[in-house]
Amino acid sequence: MERKKLKEIAHSRAGDKGKLTTISVIAYEDALYEAMKEALTAERVEQHFKDIADGGVYRYELPQLKALNFVIEGTKPEGVAASLDFDTHGKSLSWFMLEMEILV
């Protein structure tokens, strides 16, 4: 096994509405999806986003798409409508997610 950043094995889509952000991580290959399922728990994603969100994180599995969808509550600073800070919005948070490392 080796450590890889998610961006090496998957791509991502994200969006936000207010203080709620959704991020999908989609594996490039079936075997990589299995590694992602094992490594990307809701708790681990919550820890990764602890400085950006203060709510819970929920994970949904989409095996037909080789994807995991995460719903992140309490995203700061309350979404696009409430901030001029582009860096904390859904689209850029998908890149933040892809910087996570997992064992593959």
N, C-alpha and C. Protein backbone atom coordinates (compact mmCIF):
# COMPACT_ATOMS: atom_id res chain seq x y z
N MET A 1 0.84 -1.19 0.00
CA MET A 1 0.00 0.00 0.00
C MET A 1 0.88 1.24 0.00
N GLU A 2 0.34 2.28 -0.62
CA GLU A 2 1.07 3.55 -0.63
C GLU A 2 0.09 4.69 -0.40
N ARG A 3 0.62 5.79 0.10
CA ARG A 3 -0.18 6.98 0.33
C ARG A 3 -0.32 7.75 -0.96
N LYS A 4 -1.56 8.17 -1.25
CA LYS A 4 -1.82 8.99 -2.43
C LYS A 4 -2.82 10.08 -2.05
N LYS A 5 -2.67 11.21 -2.69
CA LYS A 5 -3.67 12.25 -2.52
C LYS A 5 -4.90 11.85 -3.33
N LEU A 6 -6.05 12.21 -2.83
CA LEU A 6 -7.28 11.87 -3.54
C LEU A 6 -7.28 12.37 -4.97
N LYS A 7 -6.66 13.52 -5.22
CA LYS A 7 -6.66 14.07 -6.57
C LYS A 7 -5.93 13.16 -7.57
N GLU A 8 -5.12 12.22 -7.08
CA GLU A 8 -4.43 11.28 -7.95
C GLU A 8 -5.32 10.10 -8.36
N ILE A 9 -6.38 9.86 -7.59
CA ILE A 9 -7.21 8.68 -7.83
C ILE A 9 -8.68 9.01 -8.08
N ALA A 10 -9.04 10.29 -7.95
CA ALA A 10 -10.45 10.66 -8.07
C ALA A 10 -10.60 12.10 -8.52
N HIS A 11 -11.82 12.42 -8.92
CA HIS A 11 -12.15 13.82 -9.18
C HIS A 11 -13.34 14.18 -8.28
N SER A 12 -13.75 15.43 -8.30
CA SER A 12 -14.74 15.87 -7.35
C SER A 12 -15.67 16.92 -7.94
N ARG A 13 -16.87 16.98 -7.38
CA ARG A 13 -17.84 18.01 -7.71
C ARG A 13 -18.39 18.53 -6.39
N ALA A 14 -18.71 19.80 -6.33
CA ALA A 14 -19.21 20.36 -5.08
C ALA A 14 -20.17 21.50 -5.34
N GLY A 15 -20.90 21.82 -4.32
CA GLY A 15 -21.81 22.95 -4.37
C GLY A 15 -22.18 23.35 -2.96
N ASP A 16 -22.70 24.56 -2.82
CA ASP A 16 -23.10 24.99 -1.49
C ASP A 16 -24.36 25.84 -1.56
N LYS A 17 -25.12 25.76 -0.51
CA LYS A 17 -26.31 26.58 -0.30
C LYS A 17 -26.28 27.03 1.15
N GLY A 18 -26.01 28.28 1.35
CA GLY A 18 -25.94 28.78 2.72
C GLY A 18 -24.82 28.09 3.48
N LYS A 19 -25.16 27.53 4.64
CA LYS A 19 -24.16 26.88 5.48
C LYS A 19 -24.06 25.37 5.22
N LEU A 20 -24.56 24.92 4.08
CA LEU A 20 -24.53 23.50 3.75
C LEU A 20 -23.72 23.30 2.47
N THR A 21 -22.73 22.40 2.53
CA THR A 21 -21.89 22.11 1.36
C THR A 21 -21.99 20.63 1.05
N THR A 22 -22.09 20.30 -0.22
CA THR A 22 -22.04 18.90 -0.65
C THR A 22 -20.81 18.72 -1.53
N ILE A 23 -20.10 17.63 -1.28
CA ILE A 23 -18.92 17.31 -2.07
C ILE A 23 -18.98 15.83 -2.44
N SER A 24 -18.92 15.56 -3.73
CA SER A 24 -18.83 14.19 -4.21
C SER A 24 -17.40 13.91 -4.64
N VAL A 25 -16.90 12.74 -4.25
CA VAL A 25 -15.58 12.29 -4.66
C VAL A 25 -15.80 11.05 -5.51
N ILE A 26 -15.36 11.11 -6.77
CA ILE A 26 -15.64 10.05 -7.74
C ILE A 26 -14.34 9.37 -8.16
N ALA A 27 -14.23 8.08 -7.87
CA ALA A 27 -13.01 7.32 -8.18
C ALA A 27 -12.87 7.10 -9.67
N TYR A 28 -11.64 7.08 -10.13
CA TYR A 28 -11.36 6.80 -11.53
C TYR A 28 -11.53 5.32 -11.87
N GLU A 29 -11.36 4.43 -10.87
CA GLU A 29 -11.43 2.98 -11.11
C GLU A 29 -12.17 2.29 -9.96
N ASP A 30 -12.74 1.12 -10.23
CA ASP A 30 -13.49 0.38 -9.21
C ASP A 30 -12.66 0.09 -7.96
N ALA A 31 -11.44 -0.39 -8.14
CA ALA A 31 -10.58 -0.73 -7.00
C ALA A 31 -10.28 0.50 -6.15
N LEU A 32 -10.17 1.64 -6.78
CA LEU A 32 -9.90 2.88 -6.05
C LEU A 32 -11.13 3.29 -5.24
N TYR A 33 -12.31 2.99 -5.76
CA TYR A 33 -13.53 3.28 -5.01
C TYR A 33 -13.55 2.48 -3.70
N GLU A 34 -13.14 1.23 -3.76
CA GLU A 34 -13.11 0.40 -2.55
C GLU A 34 -12.15 0.99 -1.52
N ALA A 35 -10.99 1.47 -1.96
CA ALA A 35 -10.03 2.09 -1.04
C ALA A 35 -10.60 3.37 -0.45
N MET A 36 -11.30 4.15 -1.26
CA MET A 36 -11.92 5.38 -0.77
C MET A 36 -13.00 5.08 0.26
N LYS A 37 -13.82 4.06 0.01
CA LYS A 37 -14.88 3.70 0.96
C LYS A 37 -14.29 3.37 2.32
N GLU A 38 -13.18 2.68 2.30
CA GLU A 38 -12.55 2.28 3.56
C GLU A 38 -11.93 3.47 4.29
N ALA A 39 -11.29 4.35 3.55
CA ALA A 39 -10.51 5.43 4.17
C ALA A 39 -11.28 6.71 4.45
N LEU A 40 -12.25 7.04 3.62
CA LEU A 40 -12.94 8.32 3.76
C LEU A 40 -14.22 8.18 4.58
N THR A 41 -14.05 8.14 5.87
CA THR A 41 -15.20 8.08 6.76
C THR A 41 -15.73 9.49 6.99
N ALA A 42 -16.96 9.58 7.43
CA ALA A 42 -17.53 10.89 7.76
C ALA A 42 -16.70 11.57 8.85
N GLU A 43 -16.22 10.78 9.80
CA GLU A 43 -15.41 11.35 10.89
C GLU A 43 -14.09 11.92 10.37
N ARG A 44 -13.47 11.23 9.44
CA ARG A 44 -12.20 11.72 8.90
C ARG A 44 -12.41 13.01 8.10
N VAL A 45 -13.47 13.07 7.32
CA VAL A 45 -13.77 14.27 6.55
C VAL A 45 -14.12 15.42 7.50
N GLU A 46 -14.87 15.13 8.55
CA GLU A 46 -15.20 16.16 9.54
C GLU A 46 -13.93 16.73 10.17
N GLN A 47 -12.98 15.88 10.49
CA GLN A 47 -11.71 16.33 11.04
C GLN A 47 -10.94 17.19 10.03
N HIS A 48 -10.94 16.79 8.77
CA HIS A 48 -10.24 17.52 7.72
C HIS A 48 -10.82 18.93 7.54
N PHE A 49 -12.14 19.07 7.74
CA PHE A 49 -12.83 20.34 7.53
C PHE A 49 -13.08 21.10 8.84
N LYS A 50 -12.45 20.71 9.92
CA LYS A 50 -12.76 21.28 11.23
C LYS A 50 -12.57 22.80 11.31
N ASP A 51 -11.67 23.36 10.53
CA ASP A 51 -11.46 24.81 10.55
C ASP A 51 -12.39 25.55 9.61
N ILE A 52 -13.15 24.82 8.82
CA ILE A 52 -14.01 25.42 7.80
C ILE A 52 -15.49 25.21 8.12
N ALA A 53 -15.81 24.15 8.85
CA ALA A 53 -17.21 23.83 9.15
C ALA A 53 -17.35 23.41 10.60
N ASP A 54 -18.46 23.80 11.21
CA ASP A 54 -18.67 23.46 12.62
C ASP A 54 -19.92 22.59 12.84
N GLY A 55 -20.42 21.99 11.76
CA GLY A 55 -21.57 21.08 11.88
C GLY A 55 -21.14 19.65 11.63
N GLY A 56 -22.11 18.80 11.46
CA GLY A 56 -21.84 17.39 11.20
C GLY A 56 -21.50 17.12 9.75
N VAL A 57 -20.97 15.92 9.51
CA VAL A 57 -20.66 15.46 8.15
C VAL A 57 -21.38 14.12 7.96
N TYR A 58 -22.07 13.99 6.84
CA TYR A 58 -22.80 12.77 6.52
C TYR A 58 -22.28 12.22 5.20
N ARG A 59 -22.07 10.90 5.15
CA ARG A 59 -21.54 10.27 3.95
C ARG A 59 -22.60 9.37 3.32
N TYR A 60 -22.70 9.47 2.00
CA TYR A 60 -23.61 8.62 1.23
C TYR A 60 -22.81 7.91 0.16
N GLU A 61 -23.02 6.60 0.03
CA GLU A 61 -22.30 5.81 -0.96
C GLU A 61 -23.12 5.71 -2.24
N LEU A 62 -22.45 5.89 -3.37
CA LEU A 62 -23.07 5.77 -4.69
C LEU A 62 -22.23 4.80 -5.52
N PRO A 63 -22.33 3.50 -5.24
CA PRO A 63 -21.46 2.52 -5.89
C PRO A 63 -21.61 2.48 -7.41
N GLN A 64 -22.80 2.75 -7.92
CA GLN A 64 -23.01 2.72 -9.36
C GLN A 64 -22.20 3.81 -10.07
N LEU A 65 -21.83 4.86 -9.33
CA LEU A 65 -21.01 5.95 -9.87
C LEU A 65 -19.57 5.92 -9.37
N LYS A 66 -19.24 4.93 -8.53
CA LYS A 66 -17.92 4.87 -7.87
C LYS A 66 -17.67 6.16 -7.10
N ALA A 67 -18.70 6.61 -6.38
CA ALA A 67 -18.62 7.91 -5.72
C ALA A 67 -19.06 7.84 -4.27
N LEU A 68 -18.52 8.76 -3.50
CA LEU A 68 -18.98 9.04 -2.15
C LEU A 68 -19.45 10.48 -2.13
N ASN A 69 -20.60 10.72 -1.53
CA ASN A 69 -21.12 12.07 -1.43
C ASN A 69 -21.13 12.47 0.04
N PHE A 70 -20.54 13.62 0.32
CA PHE A 70 -20.48 14.12 1.69
C PHE A 70 -21.31 15.39 1.80
N VAL A 71 -22.13 15.44 2.83
CA VAL A 71 -22.89 16.64 3.15
C VAL A 71 -22.25 17.21 4.41
N ILE A 72 -21.78 18.44 4.30
CA ILE A 72 -21.05 19.09 5.39
C ILE A 72 -21.89 20.26 5.88
N GLU A 73 -22.28 20.20 7.15
CA GLU A 73 -23.11 21.25 7.73
C GLU A 73 -22.25 22.30 8.43
N GLY A 74 -22.77 23.49 8.49
CA GLY A 74 -22.10 24.55 9.24
C GLY A 74 -20.90 25.15 8.53
N THR A 75 -20.93 25.12 7.20
CA THR A 75 -19.82 25.69 6.44
C THR A 75 -19.74 27.19 6.69
N LYS A 76 -18.56 27.66 6.97
CA LYS A 76 -18.35 29.09 7.20
C LYS A 76 -17.88 29.75 5.93
N PRO A 77 -18.14 30.94 5.66
CA PRO A 77 -18.93 31.92 6.41
C PRO A 77 -20.34 32.04 5.87
N GLU A 78 -21.10 30.99 5.88
CA GLU A 78 -22.50 30.96 5.50
C GLU A 78 -22.75 31.03 4.00
N GLY A 79 -21.83 30.55 3.20
CA GLY A 79 -22.07 30.39 1.78
C GLY A 79 -21.83 31.61 0.92
N VAL A 80 -22.07 31.46 -0.36
CA VAL A 80 -21.78 32.47 -1.37
C VAL A 80 -22.52 33.77 -1.10
N ALA A 81 -23.77 33.69 -0.72
CA ALA A 81 -24.58 34.90 -0.55
C ALA A 81 -24.12 35.77 0.61
N ALA A 82 -23.40 35.20 1.57
CA ALA A 82 -23.04 35.94 2.78
C ALA A 82 -21.59 36.37 2.81
N SER A 83 -20.82 36.12 1.76
CA SER A 83 -19.39 36.37 1.86
C SER A 83 -18.78 36.82 0.54
N LEU A 84 -17.72 37.59 0.66
CA LEU A 84 -16.91 37.94 -0.51
C LEU A 84 -15.69 37.03 -0.60
N ASP A 85 -15.55 36.10 0.33
CA ASP A 85 -14.40 35.21 0.42
C ASP A 85 -14.62 33.98 -0.46
N PHE A 86 -14.11 33.99 -1.68
CA PHE A 86 -14.31 32.90 -2.63
C PHE A 86 -13.75 31.58 -2.13
N ASP A 87 -12.66 31.60 -1.40
CA ASP A 87 -11.95 30.38 -1.04
C ASP A 87 -12.71 29.41 -0.16
N THR A 88 -13.76 29.84 0.48
CA THR A 88 -14.48 28.91 1.35
C THR A 88 -15.81 28.48 0.77
N HIS A 89 -15.96 28.56 -0.54
CA HIS A 89 -17.21 28.16 -1.16
C HIS A 89 -17.08 26.76 -1.76
N GLY A 90 -18.22 26.16 -2.07
CA GLY A 90 -18.29 24.77 -2.51
C GLY A 90 -17.29 24.37 -3.56
N LYS A 91 -17.17 25.14 -4.61
CA LYS A 91 -16.28 24.74 -5.72
C LYS A 91 -14.83 24.59 -5.26
N SER A 92 -14.37 25.53 -4.47
CA SER A 92 -12.98 25.43 -4.01
C SER A 92 -12.82 24.40 -2.90
N LEU A 93 -13.89 24.10 -2.17
CA LEU A 93 -13.79 23.09 -1.12
C LEU A 93 -13.58 21.70 -1.70
N SER A 94 -14.01 21.47 -2.93
CA SER A 94 -13.73 20.17 -3.54
C SER A 94 -12.23 19.98 -3.72
N TRP A 95 -11.51 21.04 -4.04
CA TRP A 95 -10.05 20.95 -4.15
C TRP A 95 -9.42 20.69 -2.79
N PHE A 96 -9.97 21.30 -1.75
CA PHE A 96 -9.48 21.06 -0.41
C PHE A 96 -9.66 19.59 -0.04
N MET A 97 -10.81 19.02 -0.41
CA MET A 97 -11.06 17.59 -0.15
C MET A 97 -10.04 16.72 -0.88
N LEU A 98 -9.75 17.05 -2.14
CA LEU A 98 -8.84 16.22 -2.95
C LEU A 98 -7.39 16.28 -2.47
N GLU A 99 -7.08 17.17 -1.55
CA GLU A 99 -5.74 17.22 -0.97
C GLU A 99 -5.56 16.18 0.13
N MET A 100 -6.63 15.54 0.56
CA MET A 100 -6.54 14.49 1.60
C MET A 100 -5.73 13.32 1.04
N GLU A 101 -5.00 12.65 1.92
CA GLU A 101 -4.25 11.46 1.53
C GLU A 101 -4.90 10.21 2.11
N ILE A 102 -4.87 9.13 1.31
CA ILE A 102 -5.35 7.83 1.78
C ILE A 102 -4.36 6.76 1.36
N LEU A 103 -4.47 5.60 1.99
CA LEU A 103 -3.66 4.46 1.60
C LEU A 103 -4.36 3.70 0.48
N VAL A 104 -3.63 3.41 -0.59
CA VAL A 104 -4.19 2.70 -1.74
C VAL A 104 -3.35 1.47 -1.99
